[in-house]
């Protein structure tokens, strides 16, 4: 079973292309060694897989090999997540802090500047008002 296909099938990656890209970039490891997307996978293998936002590594143990993408409940039974609790708690705290930060931004202070705001920025040398 190919690593990239399994990572996609158990829903650790949204697309198989993303899983393949991270494998090629050396971000997915087995016993500390980088895996190619076509590397074969066996039950009992322990993988280090980056989180979806690449902020921390997840430690995953392969329980079952799944060929096709399945429902999330079935997919979660195909692996054991052995990521330490303190890493997961830190990641959750970071996620909540980012969410809080988004809620307290000023209205219209998100994303790219509009043409009007950019011109104001340039006219006032880096300040809006």
N, C-alpha and C. Protein backbone atom coordinates (compact mmCIF):
# COMPACT_ATOMS: atom_id res chain seq x y z
N UNK A 1 0.85 -1.18 0.00
CA UNK A 1 0.00 0.00 0.00
C UNK A 1 0.89 1.24 0.00
N UNK A 2 0.59 2.19 -0.87
CA UNK A 2 1.37 3.43 -0.97
C UNK A 2 1.06 4.35 0.22
N UNK A 3 2.09 5.04 0.69
CA UNK A 3 1.94 5.94 1.83
C UNK A 3 1.01 7.09 1.49
N UNK A 4 1.21 7.74 0.35
CA UNK A 4 0.38 8.89 0.02
C UNK A 4 -1.09 8.52 -0.12
N UNK A 5 -1.34 7.35 -0.68
CA UNK A 5 -2.72 6.90 -0.86
C UNK A 5 -3.39 6.61 0.49
N UNK A 6 -2.64 6.00 1.40
CA UNK A 6 -3.19 5.68 2.72
C UNK A 6 -3.46 6.95 3.52
N UNK A 7 -2.53 7.91 3.48
CA UNK A 7 -2.71 9.18 4.21
C UNK A 7 -3.96 9.91 3.72
N UNK A 8 -4.20 9.86 2.42
CA UNK A 8 -5.40 10.47 1.85
C UNK A 8 -6.65 9.68 2.24
N UNK A 9 -6.58 8.35 2.19
CA UNK A 9 -7.74 7.50 2.46
C UNK A 9 -8.22 7.64 3.91
N UNK A 10 -7.28 7.83 4.85
CA UNK A 10 -7.69 7.96 6.26
C UNK A 10 -7.92 9.41 6.66
N UNK A 11 -7.96 10.28 5.68
CA UNK A 11 -8.34 11.68 5.85
C UNK A 11 -7.36 12.51 6.68
N UNK A 12 -6.08 12.15 6.63
CA UNK A 12 -5.07 13.01 7.25
C UNK A 12 -4.71 14.15 6.30
N UNK A 13 -5.00 13.97 5.01
CA UNK A 13 -4.80 15.00 4.00
C UNK A 13 -6.08 15.15 3.19
N UNK A 14 -6.35 16.36 2.75
CA UNK A 14 -7.56 16.62 1.99
C UNK A 14 -7.48 16.04 0.58
N UNK A 15 -6.28 16.09 -0.03
CA UNK A 15 -6.11 15.52 -1.37
C UNK A 15 -4.89 14.61 -1.38
N UNK A 16 -4.89 13.70 -2.31
CA UNK A 16 -3.76 12.80 -2.45
C UNK A 16 -2.53 13.57 -2.92
N UNK A 17 -2.74 14.61 -3.70
CA UNK A 17 -1.64 15.43 -4.18
C UNK A 17 -0.92 16.10 -3.01
N UNK A 18 -1.66 16.59 -2.02
CA UNK A 18 -1.05 17.20 -0.84
C UNK A 18 -0.23 16.18 -0.06
N UNK A 19 -0.77 14.98 0.08
CA UNK A 19 -0.06 13.91 0.78
C UNK A 19 1.23 13.56 0.04
N UNK A 20 1.13 13.45 -1.26
CA UNK A 20 2.30 13.13 -2.09
C UNK A 20 3.35 14.24 -2.00
N UNK A 21 2.90 15.49 -2.00
CA UNK A 21 3.82 16.63 -1.92
C UNK A 21 4.59 16.62 -0.60
N UNK A 22 3.88 16.39 0.51
CA UNK A 22 4.55 16.36 1.81
C UNK A 22 5.51 15.18 1.93
N UNK A 23 5.17 14.06 1.33
CA UNK A 23 6.09 12.91 1.32
C UNK A 23 7.35 13.26 0.53
N UNK A 24 7.18 13.84 -0.64
CA UNK A 24 8.31 14.21 -1.48
C UNK A 24 9.19 15.26 -0.81
N UNK A 25 8.59 16.14 -0.03
CA UNK A 25 9.33 17.20 0.65
C UNK A 25 10.02 16.70 1.91
N UNK A 26 9.83 15.43 2.25
CA UNK A 26 10.50 14.86 3.41
C UNK A 26 9.81 15.15 4.73
N UNK A 27 8.55 15.51 4.70
CA UNK A 27 7.83 15.86 5.93
C UNK A 27 7.17 14.66 6.60
N UNK A 28 6.97 13.58 5.85
CA UNK A 28 6.38 12.36 6.40
C UNK A 28 7.52 11.37 6.63
N UNK A 29 7.63 10.88 7.87
CA UNK A 29 8.77 10.02 8.22
C UNK A 29 8.30 8.74 8.89
N UNK A 30 9.10 7.69 8.70
CA UNK A 30 8.90 6.42 9.38
C UNK A 30 10.22 6.08 10.05
N UNK A 31 10.21 5.94 11.36
CA UNK A 31 11.42 5.66 12.14
C UNK A 31 12.50 6.69 11.88
N UNK A 32 12.11 7.95 11.72
CA UNK A 32 13.05 9.04 11.53
C UNK A 32 13.56 9.23 10.12
N UNK A 33 13.16 8.38 9.19
CA UNK A 33 13.61 8.50 7.80
C UNK A 33 12.47 8.97 6.92
N UNK A 34 12.77 9.88 6.02
CA UNK A 34 11.76 10.41 5.10
C UNK A 34 11.25 9.33 4.17
N UNK A 35 9.97 9.43 3.84
CA UNK A 35 9.36 8.46 2.94
C UNK A 35 9.03 9.09 1.60
N UNK A 36 9.19 8.32 0.54
CA UNK A 36 8.72 8.75 -0.77
C UNK A 36 7.22 8.43 -0.83
N UNK A 37 6.48 9.11 -1.71
CA UNK A 37 5.05 8.84 -1.80
C UNK A 37 4.72 7.39 -2.16
N UNK A 38 5.62 6.73 -2.87
CA UNK A 38 5.35 5.36 -3.31
C UNK A 38 5.85 4.30 -2.34
N UNK A 39 6.39 4.71 -1.21
CA UNK A 39 6.90 3.74 -0.24
C UNK A 39 5.76 2.84 0.24
N UNK A 40 6.08 1.58 0.46
CA UNK A 40 5.03 0.65 0.90
C UNK A 40 4.83 0.78 2.41
N UNK A 41 3.61 0.55 2.82
CA UNK A 41 3.20 0.73 4.19
C UNK A 41 2.66 -0.59 4.71
N UNK A 42 2.95 -0.90 5.98
CA UNK A 42 2.47 -2.13 6.59
C UNK A 42 1.74 -1.79 7.88
N UNK A 43 0.89 -2.70 8.32
CA UNK A 43 0.23 -2.50 9.61
C UNK A 43 1.28 -2.52 10.70
N UNK A 44 1.15 -1.63 11.66
CA UNK A 44 2.10 -1.55 12.76
C UNK A 44 3.18 -0.49 12.55
N UNK A 45 3.28 0.09 11.36
CA UNK A 45 4.26 1.14 11.11
C UNK A 45 3.89 2.38 11.91
N UNK A 46 4.93 3.09 12.38
CA UNK A 46 4.74 4.35 13.09
C UNK A 46 5.22 5.48 12.19
N UNK A 47 4.34 6.43 11.94
CA UNK A 47 4.65 7.54 11.05
C UNK A 47 4.63 8.87 11.80
N UNK A 48 5.50 9.77 11.38
CA UNK A 48 5.46 11.15 11.84
C UNK A 48 4.87 11.97 10.71
N UNK A 49 3.72 12.56 10.95
CA UNK A 49 2.99 13.29 9.91
C UNK A 49 2.75 14.71 10.41
N UNK A 50 3.03 15.72 9.59
CA UNK A 50 2.75 17.10 10.04
C UNK A 50 1.25 17.35 10.13
N UNK A 51 0.87 18.25 11.04
CA UNK A 51 -0.54 18.62 11.16
C UNK A 51 -0.96 19.38 9.91
N UNK A 52 -2.25 19.60 9.75
CA UNK A 52 -2.74 20.26 8.54
C UNK A 52 -2.17 21.67 8.37
N UNK A 53 -1.81 22.33 9.47
CA UNK A 53 -1.23 23.68 9.38
C UNK A 53 0.29 23.67 9.58
N UNK A 54 0.87 22.50 9.66
CA UNK A 54 2.33 22.30 9.77
C UNK A 54 2.93 22.94 11.01
N UNK A 55 2.16 23.06 12.09
CA UNK A 55 2.69 23.64 13.33
C UNK A 55 3.27 22.61 14.27
N UNK A 56 2.84 21.35 14.15
CA UNK A 56 3.39 20.29 14.99
C UNK A 56 3.33 18.97 14.25
N UNK A 57 4.05 17.96 14.77
CA UNK A 57 4.07 16.63 14.16
C UNK A 57 3.14 15.71 14.93
N UNK A 58 2.39 14.91 14.20
CA UNK A 58 1.53 13.90 14.79
C UNK A 58 2.22 12.55 14.69
N UNK A 59 2.11 11.73 15.72
CA UNK A 59 2.66 10.39 15.70
C UNK A 59 1.50 9.43 15.47
N UNK A 60 1.53 8.75 14.33
CA UNK A 60 0.43 7.90 13.89
C UNK A 60 0.91 6.45 13.77
N UNK A 61 0.14 5.52 14.31
CA UNK A 61 0.42 4.09 14.16
C UNK A 61 -0.63 3.50 13.22
N UNK A 62 -0.17 2.81 12.19
CA UNK A 62 -1.06 2.21 11.20
C UNK A 62 -1.70 0.97 11.80
N UNK A 63 -3.02 0.94 11.87
CA UNK A 63 -3.75 -0.20 12.40
C UNK A 63 -4.33 -1.04 11.26
N UNK A 64 -4.83 -0.35 10.24
CA UNK A 64 -5.49 -1.03 9.13
C UNK A 64 -5.14 -0.31 7.83
N UNK A 65 -4.93 -1.08 6.77
CA UNK A 65 -4.66 -0.50 5.47
C UNK A 65 -5.97 -0.33 4.71
N UNK A 66 -6.22 0.90 4.27
CA UNK A 66 -7.46 1.22 3.56
C UNK A 66 -7.08 1.72 2.18
N UNK A 67 -7.67 1.14 1.14
CA UNK A 67 -7.35 1.50 -0.23
C UNK A 67 -8.08 2.75 -0.71
N UNK A 68 -9.36 2.88 -0.34
CA UNK A 68 -10.18 3.98 -0.84
C UNK A 68 -10.58 4.89 0.30
N UNK A 69 -10.88 6.14 -0.03
CA UNK A 69 -11.31 7.11 0.96
C UNK A 69 -12.67 6.68 1.53
N UNK A 70 -12.75 6.69 2.86
CA UNK A 70 -13.95 6.20 3.53
C UNK A 70 -14.48 7.28 4.48
N UNK A 71 -15.58 6.98 5.12
CA UNK A 71 -16.18 7.92 6.08
C UNK A 71 -15.21 8.20 7.22
N UNK A 72 -15.34 9.36 7.82
CA UNK A 72 -14.41 9.78 8.87
C UNK A 72 -14.39 8.83 10.05
N UNK A 73 -15.53 8.29 10.44
CA UNK A 73 -15.56 7.37 11.58
C UNK A 73 -14.79 6.09 11.30
N UNK A 74 -14.90 5.59 10.08
CA UNK A 74 -14.17 4.38 9.69
C UNK A 74 -12.68 4.71 9.55
N UNK A 75 -12.39 5.87 9.00
CA UNK A 75 -10.99 6.27 8.80
C UNK A 75 -10.26 6.41 10.12
N UNK A 76 -10.91 6.94 11.14
CA UNK A 76 -10.25 7.11 12.44
C UNK A 76 -9.93 5.79 13.10
N UNK A 77 -10.64 4.74 12.76
CA UNK A 77 -10.35 3.43 13.33
C UNK A 77 -9.18 2.75 12.63
N UNK A 78 -8.69 3.33 11.54
CA UNK A 78 -7.59 2.73 10.78
C UNK A 78 -6.22 3.14 11.31
N UNK A 79 -6.18 4.06 12.28
CA UNK A 79 -4.90 4.47 12.85
C UNK A 79 -5.08 4.87 14.31
N UNK A 80 -3.96 4.84 15.03
CA UNK A 80 -3.92 5.31 16.41
C UNK A 80 -3.08 6.57 16.46
N UNK A 81 -3.62 7.61 17.03
CA UNK A 81 -2.88 8.86 17.16
C UNK A 81 -2.19 8.85 18.52
N UNK A 82 -0.86 8.75 18.50
CA UNK A 82 -0.09 8.70 19.75
C UNK A 82 0.66 10.00 20.00
N UNK A 83 0.14 11.09 19.48
CA UNK A 83 0.75 12.40 19.71
C UNK A 83 0.62 12.74 21.18
N UNK A 84 1.70 13.19 21.83
CA UNK A 84 1.63 13.52 23.26
C UNK A 84 0.55 14.58 23.54
N UNK A 85 -0.11 14.44 24.67
CA UNK A 85 -1.22 15.32 25.04
C UNK A 85 -0.78 16.77 25.18
N UNK A 86 0.44 17.02 25.66
CA UNK A 86 0.87 18.41 25.83
C UNK A 86 1.04 19.12 24.49
N UNK A 87 1.44 18.39 23.46
CA UNK A 87 1.57 18.99 22.12
C UNK A 87 0.18 19.32 21.57
N UNK A 88 -0.77 18.41 21.76
CA UNK A 88 -2.13 18.67 21.30
C UNK A 88 -2.77 19.83 22.06
N UNK A 89 -2.49 19.92 23.37
CA UNK A 89 -3.04 21.02 24.17
C UNK A 89 -2.44 22.35 23.73
N UNK A 90 -1.15 22.36 23.44
CA UNK A 90 -0.50 23.59 22.97
C UNK A 90 -1.07 24.03 21.63
N UNK A 91 -1.28 23.07 20.73
CA UNK A 91 -1.84 23.38 19.41
C UNK A 91 -3.27 23.92 19.54
N UNK A 92 -4.05 23.35 20.44
CA UNK A 92 -5.41 23.81 20.66
C UNK A 92 -5.41 25.22 21.25
N UNK A 93 -4.50 25.50 22.17
CA UNK A 93 -4.39 26.84 22.75
C UNK A 93 -4.01 27.85 21.68
N UNK A 94 -3.10 27.47 20.80
CA UNK A 94 -2.69 28.37 19.70
C UNK A 94 -3.86 28.63 18.76
N UNK A 95 -4.65 27.59 18.47
CA UNK A 95 -5.80 27.73 17.59
C UNK A 95 -6.84 28.67 18.20
N UNK A 96 -7.09 28.52 19.49
CA UNK A 96 -8.06 29.39 20.17
C UNK A 96 -7.57 30.83 20.23
N UNK A 97 -6.27 31.03 20.43
CA UNK A 97 -5.71 32.39 20.45
C UNK A 97 -5.87 33.05 19.09
N UNK A 98 -5.64 32.30 18.02
CA UNK A 98 -5.81 32.85 16.68
C UNK A 98 -7.28 33.19 16.42
N UNK A 99 -8.17 32.35 16.89
CA UNK A 99 -9.60 32.60 16.71
C UNK A 99 -10.01 33.87 17.46
N UNK A 100 -9.52 34.02 18.68
CA UNK A 100 -9.81 35.20 19.48
C UNK A 100 -9.27 36.46 18.81
N UNK A 101 -8.07 36.36 18.26
CA UNK A 101 -7.45 37.49 17.57
C UNK A 101 -8.29 37.92 16.37
N UNK A 102 -8.82 36.95 15.63
CA UNK A 102 -9.66 37.27 14.47
C UNK A 102 -10.93 38.00 14.90
N UNK A 103 -11.48 37.64 16.05
CA UNK A 103 -12.73 38.24 16.50
C UNK A 103 -12.55 39.68 16.96
N UNK A 104 -11.36 40.03 17.45
CA UNK A 104 -11.14 41.37 18.00
C UNK A 104 -10.51 42.33 17.01
N UNK A 105 -10.32 41.93 15.77
CA UNK A 105 -9.80 42.86 14.77
C UNK A 105 -10.84 43.93 14.47
N UNK A 106 -10.34 45.07 14.04
CA UNK A 106 -11.26 46.15 13.65
C UNK A 106 -11.98 45.75 12.37
N UNK A 107 -13.16 46.28 12.18
CA UNK A 107 -13.92 46.01 10.97
C UNK A 107 -13.13 46.49 9.76
N UNK A 108 -13.01 45.67 8.76
CA UNK A 108 -12.29 46.02 7.54
C UNK A 108 -10.79 45.90 7.68
N UNK A 109 -10.31 45.29 8.76
CA UNK A 109 -8.88 45.17 8.99
C UNK A 109 -8.37 43.77 8.60
N UNK A 110 -9.12 43.06 7.78
CA UNK A 110 -8.72 41.71 7.40
C UNK A 110 -8.23 41.70 5.96
N UNK A 111 -7.30 40.84 5.71
CA UNK A 111 -6.88 40.58 4.33
C UNK A 111 -6.12 41.70 3.66
N UNK A 112 -6.14 41.66 2.35
CA UNK A 112 -5.44 42.64 1.54
C UNK A 112 -6.05 44.02 1.64
N UNK A 113 -5.20 45.03 1.48
CA UNK A 113 -5.70 46.39 1.48
C UNK A 113 -6.46 46.65 0.19
N UNK A 114 -7.52 47.44 0.31
CA UNK A 114 -8.22 47.87 -0.90
C UNK A 114 -7.40 49.00 -1.52
N UNK A 115 -7.75 49.36 -2.73
CA UNK A 115 -7.04 50.43 -3.41
C UNK A 115 -7.11 51.73 -2.59
N UNK A 116 -8.30 52.00 -2.08
CA UNK A 116 -8.51 53.22 -1.30
C UNK A 116 -7.66 53.22 -0.03
N UNK A 117 -7.65 52.09 0.70
CA UNK A 117 -6.87 52.01 1.93
C UNK A 117 -5.36 52.05 1.65
N UNK A 118 -4.95 51.46 0.56
CA UNK A 118 -3.53 51.48 0.21
C UNK A 118 -3.08 52.91 -0.07
N UNK A 119 -3.91 53.65 -0.79
CA UNK A 119 -3.56 55.05 -1.08
C UNK A 119 -3.50 55.88 0.20
N UNK A 120 -4.45 55.66 1.10
CA UNK A 120 -4.41 56.35 2.40
C UNK A 120 -3.13 56.01 3.15
N UNK A 121 -2.77 54.74 3.11
CA UNK A 121 -1.56 54.26 3.78
C UNK A 121 -0.33 54.97 3.23
N UNK A 122 -0.24 55.04 1.92
CA UNK A 122 0.92 55.67 1.28
C UNK A 122 0.95 57.18 1.53
N UNK A 123 -0.22 57.84 1.50
CA UNK A 123 -0.29 59.29 1.72
C UNK A 123 0.12 59.66 3.15
N UNK A 124 -0.25 58.82 4.10
CA UNK A 124 0.03 59.13 5.51
C UNK A 124 1.28 58.43 6.03
N UNK A 125 2.12 57.93 5.13
CA UNK A 125 3.40 57.29 5.47
C UNK A 125 3.24 56.17 6.48
N UNK A 126 2.34 55.29 6.23
CA UNK A 126 2.23 54.09 7.06
C UNK A 126 1.17 54.14 8.13
N UNK A 127 0.42 55.21 8.23
CA UNK A 127 -0.68 55.24 9.18
C UNK A 127 -1.97 55.55 8.43
N UNK A 128 -3.07 55.01 8.89
CA UNK A 128 -4.34 55.19 8.20
C UNK A 128 -4.96 56.54 8.48
N UNK A 129 -4.74 57.13 9.63
CA UNK A 129 -5.41 58.40 9.96
C UNK A 129 -4.49 59.38 10.57
